[in-house]
Amino acid sequence: SHASEYQQLIASLATMEEKPYSLKGKFEIANKINHPKFGLGIVRSVQIDKIEVVFSDEVKLLIHNRP
């Protein structure tokens, strides 16, 4: 489940610094992001303009890399 995936990712990336989420930010796989509404998440996959992020209670597709 995504909850156990989230726990594993958080544990394995414990020392990584969080990046604040923004539409203009550019993120990579395994980046730890801090979203104002959804909280702490880890980037699972990256497309040109979208990222899939695992949060503690759900997985979200978010926009990124906006000029």
N, C-alpha and C. Protein backbone atom coordinates (compact mmCIF):
# COMPACT_ATOMS: atom_id res chain seq x y z
N SER A 1 0.85 -1.20 0.00
CA SER A 1 0.00 0.00 0.00
C SER A 1 0.87 1.24 0.00
N HIS A 2 0.28 2.36 -0.36
CA HIS A 2 1.09 3.58 -0.41
C HIS A 2 1.53 4.01 0.98
N ALA A 3 0.79 3.64 2.01
CA ALA A 3 1.18 4.02 3.38
C ALA A 3 2.50 3.37 3.77
N SER A 4 2.66 2.08 3.46
CA SER A 4 3.92 1.42 3.78
C SER A 4 5.04 1.91 2.87
N GLU A 5 4.70 2.20 1.61
CA GLU A 5 5.69 2.77 0.69
C GLU A 5 6.17 4.12 1.23
N TYR A 6 5.21 4.92 1.71
CA TYR A 6 5.54 6.24 2.28
C TYR A 6 6.48 6.08 3.46
N GLN A 7 6.18 5.16 4.39
CA GLN A 7 7.03 4.94 5.57
C GLN A 7 8.44 4.52 5.17
N GLN A 8 8.54 3.62 4.19
CA GLN A 8 9.86 3.16 3.73
C GLN A 8 10.64 4.31 3.09
N LEU A 9 9.96 5.11 2.26
CA LEU A 9 10.63 6.22 1.60
C LEU A 9 11.10 7.26 2.61
N ILE A 10 10.23 7.60 3.56
CA ILE A 10 10.60 8.58 4.59
C ILE A 10 11.81 8.10 5.38
N ALA A 11 11.81 6.82 5.75
CA ALA A 11 12.92 6.26 6.52
C ALA A 11 14.22 6.28 5.70
N SER A 12 14.13 5.91 4.43
CA SER A 12 15.35 5.83 3.61
C SER A 12 15.88 7.21 3.24
N LEU A 13 15.01 8.21 3.29
CA LEU A 13 15.43 9.56 2.92
C LEU A 13 15.46 10.49 4.12
N ALA A 14 15.62 9.93 5.30
CA ALA A 14 15.50 10.69 6.55
C ALA A 14 16.44 11.89 6.60
N THR A 15 17.62 11.76 6.03
CA THR A 15 18.59 12.86 6.13
C THR A 15 18.46 13.87 5.00
N MET A 16 17.64 13.56 3.99
CA MET A 16 17.49 14.47 2.86
C MET A 16 16.67 15.70 3.26
N GLU A 17 17.09 16.83 2.78
CA GLU A 17 16.39 18.07 3.09
C GLU A 17 15.10 18.16 2.28
N GLU A 18 14.07 18.72 2.90
CA GLU A 18 12.79 18.92 2.22
C GLU A 18 12.89 20.14 1.32
N LYS A 19 12.21 20.07 0.18
CA LYS A 19 12.09 21.24 -0.69
C LYS A 19 10.64 21.72 -0.61
N PRO A 20 10.44 23.03 -0.51
CA PRO A 20 9.05 23.51 -0.54
C PRO A 20 8.46 23.29 -1.94
N TYR A 21 7.21 22.82 -1.99
CA TYR A 21 6.57 22.60 -3.27
C TYR A 21 6.14 23.92 -3.90
N SER A 22 6.35 24.06 -5.20
CA SER A 22 5.78 25.16 -5.97
C SER A 22 5.61 24.72 -7.41
N LEU A 23 4.68 25.34 -8.11
CA LEU A 23 4.44 25.02 -9.52
C LEU A 23 5.69 25.26 -10.36
N LYS A 24 6.48 26.26 -9.97
CA LYS A 24 7.66 26.64 -10.74
C LYS A 24 8.88 25.79 -10.39
N GLY A 25 8.78 25.05 -9.29
CA GLY A 25 9.91 24.21 -8.89
C GLY A 25 10.10 23.06 -9.87
N LYS A 26 11.32 22.57 -9.94
CA LYS A 26 11.61 21.40 -10.77
C LYS A 26 12.09 20.31 -9.83
N PHE A 27 11.41 19.17 -9.85
CA PHE A 27 11.69 18.11 -8.89
C PHE A 27 12.16 16.84 -9.59
N GLU A 28 12.85 16.01 -8.84
CA GLU A 28 13.38 14.75 -9.37
C GLU A 28 12.89 13.60 -8.50
N ILE A 29 13.01 12.39 -9.03
CA ILE A 29 12.63 11.21 -8.28
C ILE A 29 13.38 11.18 -6.95
N ALA A 30 12.65 10.85 -5.89
CA ALA A 30 13.17 10.73 -4.52
C ALA A 30 13.38 12.07 -3.83
N ASN A 31 12.98 13.18 -4.47
CA ASN A 31 13.00 14.46 -3.74
C ASN A 31 11.94 14.40 -2.65
N LYS A 32 12.28 14.97 -1.50
CA LYS A 32 11.32 15.12 -0.41
C LYS A 32 10.74 16.52 -0.54
N ILE A 33 9.41 16.61 -0.67
CA ILE A 33 8.80 17.92 -0.82
C ILE A 33 7.82 18.19 0.32
N ASN A 34 7.67 19.47 0.60
CA ASN A 34 6.73 19.90 1.63
C ASN A 34 5.63 20.69 0.94
N HIS A 35 4.44 20.12 0.89
CA HIS A 35 3.31 20.74 0.22
C HIS A 35 2.45 21.45 1.26
N PRO A 36 2.00 22.69 0.98
CA PRO A 36 1.24 23.44 2.00
C PRO A 36 -0.06 22.76 2.43
N LYS A 37 -0.69 22.00 1.55
CA LYS A 37 -1.95 21.35 1.90
C LYS A 37 -1.76 19.87 2.28
N PHE A 38 -0.92 19.14 1.54
CA PHE A 38 -0.80 17.70 1.72
C PHE A 38 0.33 17.28 2.65
N GLY A 39 1.23 18.21 2.98
CA GLY A 39 2.32 17.91 3.90
C GLY A 39 3.54 17.33 3.22
N LEU A 40 4.24 16.48 3.94
CA LEU A 40 5.49 15.91 3.46
C LEU A 40 5.23 14.77 2.49
N GLY A 41 5.93 14.80 1.35
CA GLY A 41 5.77 13.74 0.36
C GLY A 41 7.08 13.45 -0.34
N ILE A 42 7.10 12.32 -1.04
CA ILE A 42 8.30 11.91 -1.78
C ILE A 42 7.91 11.71 -3.24
N VAL A 43 8.71 12.28 -4.14
CA VAL A 43 8.45 12.16 -5.57
C VAL A 43 8.72 10.73 -6.02
N ARG A 44 7.70 10.10 -6.59
CA ARG A 44 7.79 8.71 -7.05
C ARG A 44 8.14 8.63 -8.53
N SER A 45 7.58 9.53 -9.34
CA SER A 45 7.90 9.56 -10.76
C SER A 45 7.81 10.98 -11.28
N VAL A 46 8.50 11.23 -12.39
CA VAL A 46 8.60 12.58 -12.94
C VAL A 46 8.28 12.55 -14.42
N GLN A 47 7.43 13.48 -14.85
CA GLN A 47 7.20 13.76 -16.26
C GLN A 47 7.64 15.20 -16.49
N ILE A 48 7.55 15.67 -17.73
CA ILE A 48 8.03 17.01 -18.03
C ILE A 48 7.34 18.06 -17.16
N ASP A 49 6.01 17.94 -17.03
CA ASP A 49 5.28 18.98 -16.31
C ASP A 49 4.49 18.45 -15.11
N LYS A 50 4.68 17.17 -14.77
CA LYS A 50 3.94 16.59 -13.64
C LYS A 50 4.86 15.69 -12.82
N ILE A 51 4.55 15.61 -11.53
CA ILE A 51 5.24 14.67 -10.65
C ILE A 51 4.20 13.87 -9.89
N GLU A 52 4.50 12.59 -9.68
CA GLU A 52 3.65 11.75 -8.84
C GLU A 52 4.31 11.71 -7.47
N VAL A 53 3.54 12.09 -6.45
CA VAL A 53 4.10 12.24 -5.11
C VAL A 53 3.35 11.36 -4.13
N VAL A 54 4.11 10.60 -3.33
CA VAL A 54 3.53 9.75 -2.29
C VAL A 54 3.47 10.55 -1.00
N PHE A 55 2.25 10.79 -0.51
CA PHE A 55 2.03 11.43 0.78
C PHE A 55 1.59 10.37 1.78
N SER A 56 1.51 10.72 3.05
CA SER A 56 1.19 9.72 4.07
C SER A 56 -0.18 9.09 3.86
N ASP A 57 -1.15 9.85 3.33
CA ASP A 57 -2.49 9.29 3.21
C ASP A 57 -2.98 9.13 1.77
N GLU A 58 -2.19 9.53 0.78
CA GLU A 58 -2.61 9.38 -0.61
C GLU A 58 -1.44 9.64 -1.56
N VAL A 59 -1.66 9.30 -2.82
CA VAL A 59 -0.69 9.59 -3.88
C VAL A 59 -1.33 10.65 -4.78
N LYS A 60 -0.57 11.70 -5.07
CA LYS A 60 -1.09 12.82 -5.85
C LYS A 60 -0.25 13.07 -7.08
N LEU A 61 -0.91 13.49 -8.16
CA LEU A 61 -0.21 13.95 -9.35
C LEU A 61 -0.21 15.47 -9.28
N LEU A 62 0.97 16.07 -9.23
CA LEU A 62 1.08 17.52 -9.06
C LEU A 62 1.81 18.13 -10.27
N ILE A 63 1.53 19.38 -10.53
CA ILE A 63 2.20 20.11 -11.61
C ILE A 63 3.53 20.63 -11.08
N HIS A 64 4.54 20.61 -11.96
CA HIS A 64 5.82 21.25 -11.61
C HIS A 64 6.46 21.78 -12.89
N ASN A 65 7.59 22.45 -12.73
CA ASN A 65 8.39 22.90 -13.87
C ASN A 65 7.63 23.89 -14.76
N ARG A 66 6.76 24.70 -14.15
CA ARG A 66 6.05 25.73 -14.90
C ARG A 66 6.95 26.94 -15.07
N PRO A 67 7.01 27.49 -16.28
CA PRO A 67 7.87 28.67 -16.47
C PRO A 67 7.36 29.88 -15.71
